[in-house]
Amino acid sequence: MHRTNFALALSVAGALALGGCAPAAQVVPSVVPTPSAPASMTPVPPQPTAAPTESLTESFPYGAFSEPTTVDNEWFPLVPGTQWVWEGEVNGDDGRVPHRVVFTVTDLTKVIDGIRTVVAYDEDFTEGELVEAELAFFAQDDDGTVWHLGQYPEEYEDGEFADAPAWIAGIEGARAGITMHAEPRFSEFSYSQGWGPEVEYTDRARVLELDSETCVPAGCYEGVLVIAEFNPEEPDVHQLKYYAAGVGGVRVGSAGALDQDQEVLELISIETLDSPGLEALRSIALEMDARAYQLSPDVYGETKPAEPAG
């Protein structure tokens, strides 16, 4: 191991405390100039302004998606049939409890905001119980950056459907965000991972390390990329995601305030589904896609149905 997670968490917290991430107040879509105050009035104090290279949402390159469903970014490759399984712990009502996440790339595509996307299927289990299933939509631009164009989650409580807080780029003010840059680089500025104001999806991220090392049950990796993610409403709570080139996500940790879920995950396995497995996954995803039109008519209902690639 390059260093212990505890040491990394401390270094991250310290760096962020010193101003590594721009304050949430700086992340604004635009600032209306304040008229000059008459001499008889008290001058209006300066208004917050956006950082030079940081904005509330990202500029989406609509005309630069010649092959959007070919997602071969080395840090976030999405090949149909690939399945990642992570296991770890999360805070529960009675302390730390087992947590498991299964993320699989389907062979389906779906047009979102005019761009054909890859459909991924994500399952989240706590103490062996499914608490959330999700369809997520990604596309890669011609420069190699992977964009997140929305998601349709179904949340469950005690095995019963509870909510479906979907956000889809181009609907209800939602905007696509960046999941992975083509060439991740250090920056004092964060970037938007997606903007879904109606469901309070405002996640942001910043590159933290470019050459770390880590070992997980699936293997040991060098040259690991570490990205810190956060919600502007909780600027002191950071989730750390570790990526290995050619593999994708291998570890999830945390840093910052202690009153968070403190989710920790390690990659247990990565494999490619066989034809029957991929066909079964496709059926599950299509059923969820169809169900979404009933559960999210105002958002998901504005999209075209998912369909097999090719």
Protein backbone atom coordinates (compact mmCIF):
# COMPACT_ATOMS: atom_id res chain seq x y z
CA MET A 1 0.00 0.00 0.00
CA HIS A 2 1.27 3.47 -0.84
CA ARG A 3 -0.10 4.75 2.49
CA THR A 4 -2.88 3.82 4.83
CA ASN A 5 -6.39 5.04 4.13
CA PHE A 6 -6.38 6.78 7.51
CA ALA A 7 -3.30 8.81 6.57
CA LEU A 8 -4.79 9.64 3.18
CA ALA A 9 -8.04 10.73 4.78
CA LEU A 10 -6.15 13.07 7.09
CA SER A 11 -4.12 14.54 4.24
CA VAL A 12 -7.27 15.02 2.18
CA ALA A 13 -9.13 16.70 5.00
CA GLY A 14 -6.19 19.02 5.58
CA ALA A 15 -5.85 19.91 1.91
CA LEU A 16 -9.54 20.66 1.60
CA ALA A 17 -9.50 22.73 4.77
CA LEU A 18 -6.77 24.85 3.21
CA GLY A 19 -9.03 25.71 0.31
CA GLY A 20 -8.41 22.92 -2.22
CA CYS A 21 -12.06 23.02 -3.27
CA ALA A 22 -13.78 26.29 -4.07
CA PRO A 23 -16.45 27.25 -1.52
CA ALA A 24 -19.99 26.39 -2.51
CA ALA A 25 -20.87 30.08 -2.64
CA GLN A 26 -18.45 30.55 -5.54
CA VAL A 27 -20.21 27.98 -7.68
CA VAL A 28 -22.93 30.04 -9.31
CA PRO A 29 -24.36 30.00 -12.84
CA SER A 30 -23.95 33.72 -13.35
CA VAL A 31 -23.80 36.96 -11.43
CA VAL A 32 -25.95 39.96 -12.31
CA PRO A 33 -23.87 43.16 -12.01
CA THR A 34 -25.00 45.39 -9.17
CA PRO A 35 -25.76 48.98 -10.29
CA SER A 36 -23.58 51.66 -8.74
CA ALA A 37 -25.17 53.06 -5.58
CA PRO A 38 -26.01 56.79 -5.43
CA ALA A 39 -23.58 58.80 -3.33
CA SER A 40 -26.20 59.16 -0.61
CA MET A 41 -26.57 55.43 -0.21
CA THR A 42 -24.34 52.87 1.46
CA PRO A 43 -22.34 51.04 -1.23
CA VAL A 44 -23.59 47.55 -2.01
CA PRO A 45 -21.05 44.95 -0.84
CA PRO A 46 -19.34 42.89 -3.56
CA GLN A 47 -21.38 39.91 -4.75
CA PRO A 48 -19.99 36.36 -5.05
CA THR A 49 -18.46 35.66 -8.44
CA ALA A 50 -17.75 32.39 -10.17
CA ALA A 51 -14.18 31.13 -10.04
CA PRO A 52 -12.33 31.63 -13.35
CA THR A 53 -12.55 27.99 -14.39
CA GLU A 54 -15.35 26.73 -12.18
CA SER A 55 -19.08 26.96 -12.83
CA LEU A 56 -22.32 25.51 -11.58
CA THR A 57 -22.68 23.27 -14.64
CA GLU A 58 -20.36 22.13 -17.40
CA SER A 59 -20.43 23.29 -21.01
CA PHE A 60 -21.80 20.25 -22.84
CA PRO A 61 -20.25 19.62 -26.32
CA TYR A 62 -23.43 18.56 -28.17
CA GLY A 63 -21.70 18.42 -31.56
CA ALA A 64 -18.77 16.25 -30.41
CA PHE A 65 -20.34 12.81 -29.99
CA SER A 66 -19.62 10.84 -33.16
CA GLU A 67 -19.46 7.50 -31.29
CA PRO A 68 -21.01 8.25 -27.88
CA THR A 69 -21.64 4.63 -26.86
CA THR A 70 -18.02 3.61 -27.36
CA VAL A 71 -16.81 4.33 -23.84
CA ASP A 72 -13.14 3.35 -23.71
CA ASN A 73 -11.81 5.95 -21.28
CA GLU A 74 -9.05 4.04 -19.44
CA TRP A 75 -10.32 5.14 -16.02
CA PHE A 76 -13.99 4.45 -16.69
CA PRO A 77 -14.38 1.86 -19.47
CA LEU A 78 -17.94 0.69 -20.14
CA VAL A 79 -17.97 -2.50 -22.17
CA PRO A 80 -21.37 -4.26 -22.37
CA GLY A 81 -21.49 -7.25 -20.05
CA THR A 82 -18.77 -6.02 -17.69
CA GLN A 83 -19.76 -6.32 -14.04
CA TRP A 84 -18.00 -4.84 -11.01
CA VAL A 85 -18.79 -6.03 -7.47
CA TRP A 86 -17.72 -3.99 -4.45
CA GLU A 87 -18.22 -4.94 -0.81
CA GLY A 88 -17.66 -3.04 2.42
CA GLU A 89 -19.56 -1.31 5.19
CA VAL A 90 -21.78 1.68 5.81
CA ASN A 91 -23.29 3.24 8.91
CA GLY A 92 -26.61 1.71 9.94
CA ASP A 93 -29.08 2.27 12.75
CA ASP A 94 -27.11 -0.10 14.98
CA GLY A 95 -23.56 0.70 13.88
CA ARG A 96 -21.56 -0.55 10.90
CA VAL A 97 -23.41 -2.93 8.58
CA PRO A 98 -22.44 -4.90 5.43
CA HIS A 99 -22.76 -3.04 2.15
CA ARG A 100 -22.56 -4.40 -1.41
CA VAL A 101 -22.75 -2.64 -4.78
CA VAL A 102 -23.06 -4.38 -8.16
CA PHE A 103 -22.60 -2.23 -11.28
CA THR A 104 -23.14 -3.82 -14.70
CA VAL A 105 -22.98 -2.40 -18.22
CA THR A 106 -25.97 -3.51 -20.29
CA ASP A 107 -26.09 -3.88 -24.07
CA LEU A 108 -28.86 -1.27 -24.19
CA THR A 109 -28.70 2.34 -25.33
CA LYS A 110 -31.04 5.26 -24.69
CA VAL A 111 -31.24 8.72 -26.25
CA ILE A 112 -30.91 11.43 -23.59
CA ASP A 113 -30.94 15.12 -24.52
CA GLY A 114 -30.28 14.21 -28.14
CA ILE A 115 -27.27 11.97 -27.35
CA ARG A 116 -27.34 8.18 -27.50
CA THR A 117 -26.07 6.83 -24.18
CA VAL A 118 -24.88 3.56 -22.68
CA VAL A 119 -27.29 2.16 -20.10
CA ALA A 120 -25.75 0.83 -16.88
CA TYR A 121 -27.62 -1.09 -14.17
CA ASP A 122 -26.62 -0.47 -10.57
CA GLU A 123 -27.76 -2.38 -7.45
CA ASP A 124 -27.13 -1.28 -3.86
CA PHE A 125 -27.54 -3.75 -0.99
CA THR A 126 -27.39 -3.05 2.74
CA GLU A 127 -27.32 -6.04 5.10
CA GLY A 128 -28.24 -8.23 2.12
CA GLU A 129 -31.38 -6.23 1.30
CA LEU A 130 -31.78 -4.31 -1.95
CA VAL A 131 -32.20 -0.65 -1.01
CA GLU A 132 -31.78 0.89 -4.45
CA ALA A 133 -31.70 -0.19 -8.10
CA GLU A 134 -30.76 2.33 -10.75
CA LEU A 135 -30.46 2.88 -14.48
CA ALA A 136 -27.64 5.33 -15.24
CA PHE A 137 -26.77 6.90 -18.59
CA PHE A 138 -23.29 7.69 -19.90
CA ALA A 139 -21.74 8.86 -23.17
CA GLN A 140 -18.17 9.59 -24.25
CA ASP A 141 -17.33 12.64 -26.34
CA ASP A 142 -14.80 12.69 -29.15
CA ASP A 143 -12.05 13.91 -26.81
CA GLY A 144 -12.53 10.91 -24.50
CA THR A 145 -14.39 12.54 -21.61
CA VAL A 146 -17.22 10.45 -20.13
CA TRP A 147 -20.43 12.35 -19.39
CA HIS A 148 -23.22 11.45 -17.00
CA LEU A 149 -26.57 12.36 -18.57
CA GLY A 150 -28.92 11.23 -15.84
CA GLN A 151 -30.23 8.40 -13.75
CA TYR A 152 -33.45 6.70 -12.79
CA PRO A 153 -33.22 5.19 -9.28
CA GLU A 154 -35.83 3.14 -7.48
CA GLU A 155 -35.47 3.33 -3.71
CA TYR A 156 -36.86 0.64 -1.40
CA GLU A 157 -37.67 0.49 2.29
CA ASP A 158 -38.34 -2.87 3.93
CA GLY A 159 -38.65 -4.41 0.49
CA GLU A 160 -41.30 -1.94 -0.67
CA PHE A 161 -40.95 0.74 -3.33
CA ALA A 162 -40.47 4.17 -1.71
CA ASP A 163 -39.40 6.73 -4.32
CA ALA A 164 -37.92 7.29 -7.79
CA PRO A 165 -36.04 10.64 -7.75
CA ALA A 166 -34.99 10.65 -11.40
CA TRP A 167 -33.05 13.38 -13.16
CA ILE A 168 -32.51 13.43 -16.92
CA ALA A 169 -30.37 15.96 -18.78
CA GLY A 170 -32.51 18.38 -20.77
CA ILE A 171 -35.61 17.95 -18.57
CA GLU A 172 -36.64 20.21 -15.66
CA GLY A 173 -33.42 22.19 -15.89
CA ALA A 174 -31.14 19.16 -15.50
CA ARG A 175 -27.70 19.25 -17.14
CA ALA A 176 -25.14 16.58 -17.95
CA GLY A 177 -21.99 16.43 -15.84
CA ILE A 178 -18.53 14.88 -16.10
CA THR A 179 -17.98 11.40 -14.72
CA MET A 180 -14.38 11.15 -15.92
CA HIS A 181 -12.12 13.55 -17.80
CA ALA A 182 -10.19 12.18 -20.76
CA GLU A 183 -6.97 13.20 -19.01
CA PRO A 184 -7.58 13.80 -15.28
CA ARG A 185 -5.37 16.55 -13.87
CA PHE A 186 -4.84 18.33 -10.57
CA SER A 187 -6.86 21.50 -10.15
CA GLU A 188 -7.94 23.72 -7.28
CA PHE A 189 -11.34 23.91 -8.96
CA SER A 190 -14.07 21.29 -8.84
CA TYR A 191 -16.33 20.24 -11.69
CA SER A 192 -19.99 19.24 -11.90
CA GLN A 193 -20.85 15.55 -12.09
CA GLY A 194 -24.42 16.32 -13.05
CA TRP A 195 -27.08 18.88 -12.24
CA GLY A 196 -30.57 17.72 -11.27
CA PRO A 197 -32.01 20.62 -9.23
CA GLU A 198 -35.48 19.12 -8.85
CA VAL A 199 -34.09 16.12 -6.93
CA GLU A 200 -31.16 18.00 -5.35
CA TYR A 201 -28.54 16.14 -7.38
CA THR A 202 -25.62 18.60 -7.39
CA ASP A 203 -22.55 16.39 -6.95
CA ARG A 204 -19.12 17.79 -7.71
CA ALA A 205 -15.60 16.35 -7.85
CA ARG A 206 -11.92 17.24 -7.89
CA VAL A 207 -8.82 15.22 -8.73
CA LEU A 208 -6.85 14.52 -5.57
CA GLU A 209 -4.04 12.11 -6.54
CA LEU A 210 -2.65 10.78 -9.80
CA ASP A 211 -0.14 8.15 -8.74
CA SER A 212 -1.35 6.36 -5.64
CA GLU A 213 -1.24 2.62 -4.89
CA THR A 214 -3.82 0.37 -3.29
CA CYS A 215 -4.63 -3.29 -2.73
CA VAL A 216 -8.15 -4.74 -2.65
CA PRO A 217 -9.44 -8.33 -2.85
CA ALA A 218 -9.53 -8.10 -6.66
CA GLY A 219 -5.82 -7.20 -6.85
CA CYS A 220 -3.12 -4.62 -6.21
CA TYR A 221 -2.85 -1.53 -8.39
CA GLU A 222 -0.29 1.21 -9.05
CA GLY A 223 -0.73 4.60 -10.69
CA VAL A 224 -4.14 4.88 -9.04
CA LEU A 225 -6.27 7.97 -9.64
CA VAL A 226 -8.06 9.35 -6.54
CA ILE A 227 -11.03 11.68 -6.94
CA ALA A 228 -12.78 13.50 -4.09
CA GLU A 229 -16.53 13.91 -4.55
CA PHE A 230 -18.83 16.14 -2.53
CA ASN A 231 -22.20 17.85 -2.41
CA PRO A 232 -22.05 21.68 -2.11
CA GLU A 233 -24.66 21.47 0.66
CA GLU A 234 -22.15 19.42 2.70
CA PRO A 235 -18.78 20.89 1.66
CA ASP A 236 -16.92 19.20 4.54
CA VAL A 237 -18.06 15.68 3.62
CA HIS A 238 -15.99 14.00 0.90
CA GLN A 239 -16.21 10.58 -0.69
CA LEU A 240 -12.94 9.33 -2.14
CA LYS A 241 -13.06 7.14 -5.23
CA TYR A 242 -10.01 5.22 -6.42
CA TYR A 243 -9.62 4.25 -10.09
CA ALA A 244 -7.11 1.91 -11.75
CA ALA A 245 -6.27 2.31 -15.43
CA GLY A 246 -8.01 -0.28 -17.59
CA VAL A 247 -10.11 -1.45 -14.65
CA GLY A 248 -12.27 1.39 -13.34
CA GLY A 249 -13.28 1.92 -9.73
CA VAL A 250 -11.45 -0.24 -7.20
CA ARG A 251 -12.07 1.43 -3.83
CA VAL A 252 -14.38 3.93 -2.09
CA GLY A 253 -13.40 5.76 1.08
CA SER A 254 -14.24 9.00 2.86
CA ALA A 255 -12.70 12.10 4.40
CA GLY A 256 -13.92 15.20 6.17
CA ALA A 257 -16.77 15.52 8.67
CA LEU A 258 -17.63 12.46 10.74
CA ASP A 259 -21.42 12.78 10.60
CA GLN A 260 -21.62 11.10 7.20
CA ASP A 261 -22.50 7.60 6.02
CA GLN A 262 -18.77 6.80 5.84
CA GLU A 263 -19.29 4.27 3.08
CA VAL A 264 -16.23 2.13 2.41
CA LEU A 265 -16.05 -0.35 -0.46
CA GLU A 266 -13.40 -2.56 -2.06
CA LEU A 267 -13.52 -4.21 -5.46
CA ILE A 268 -14.20 -7.90 -4.95
CA SER A 269 -14.43 -8.97 -8.57
CA ILE A 270 -14.71 -7.77 -12.14
CA GLU A 271 -15.96 -10.14 -14.79
CA THR A 272 -17.75 -10.33 -18.13
CA LEU A 273 -21.22 -11.85 -18.23
CA ASP A 274 -21.81 -14.72 -20.64
CA SER A 275 -24.57 -14.49 -23.27
CA PRO A 276 -27.35 -15.88 -21.02
CA GLY A 277 -26.27 -13.58 -18.19
CA LEU A 278 -26.25 -10.54 -20.45
CA GLU A 279 -29.66 -11.47 -21.86
CA ALA A 280 -31.10 -11.80 -18.35
CA LEU A 281 -29.66 -8.41 -17.40
CA ARG A 282 -31.16 -6.85 -20.52
CA SER A 283 -34.60 -8.14 -19.56
CA ILE A 284 -34.31 -6.70 -16.04
CA ALA A 285 -33.18 -3.32 -17.35
CA LEU A 286 -35.94 -3.18 -19.98
CA GLU A 287 -38.55 -3.99 -17.36
CA MET A 288 -37.24 -1.18 -15.20
CA ASP A 289 -37.14 1.17 -18.18
CA ALA A 290 -40.81 0.39 -18.93
CA ARG A 291 -41.82 0.74 -15.27
CA ALA A 292 -40.17 4.16 -15.09
CA TYR A 293 -42.75 5.62 -17.46
CA GLN A 294 -45.40 4.92 -14.83
CA LEU A 295 -43.39 5.97 -11.78
CA SER A 296 -41.71 9.04 -13.29
CA PRO A 297 -44.08 10.30 -16.01
CA ASP A 298 -43.00 13.96 -15.85
CA VAL A 299 -39.29 13.21 -16.21
CA TYR A 300 -38.57 9.73 -17.54
CA GLY A 301 -41.82 9.84 -19.46
CA GLU A 302 -40.30 12.51 -21.70
CA THR A 303 -37.62 10.11 -23.02
CA LYS A 304 -37.68 7.45 -25.70
CA PRO A 305 -37.52 3.78 -24.55
CA ALA A 306 -34.16 2.05 -24.18
CA GLU A 307 -33.26 -0.33 -26.97
CA PRO A 308 -30.58 -2.94 -27.75
CA ALA A 309 -27.36 -1.55 -29.16
CA GLY A 310 -26.75 -1.91 -32.87
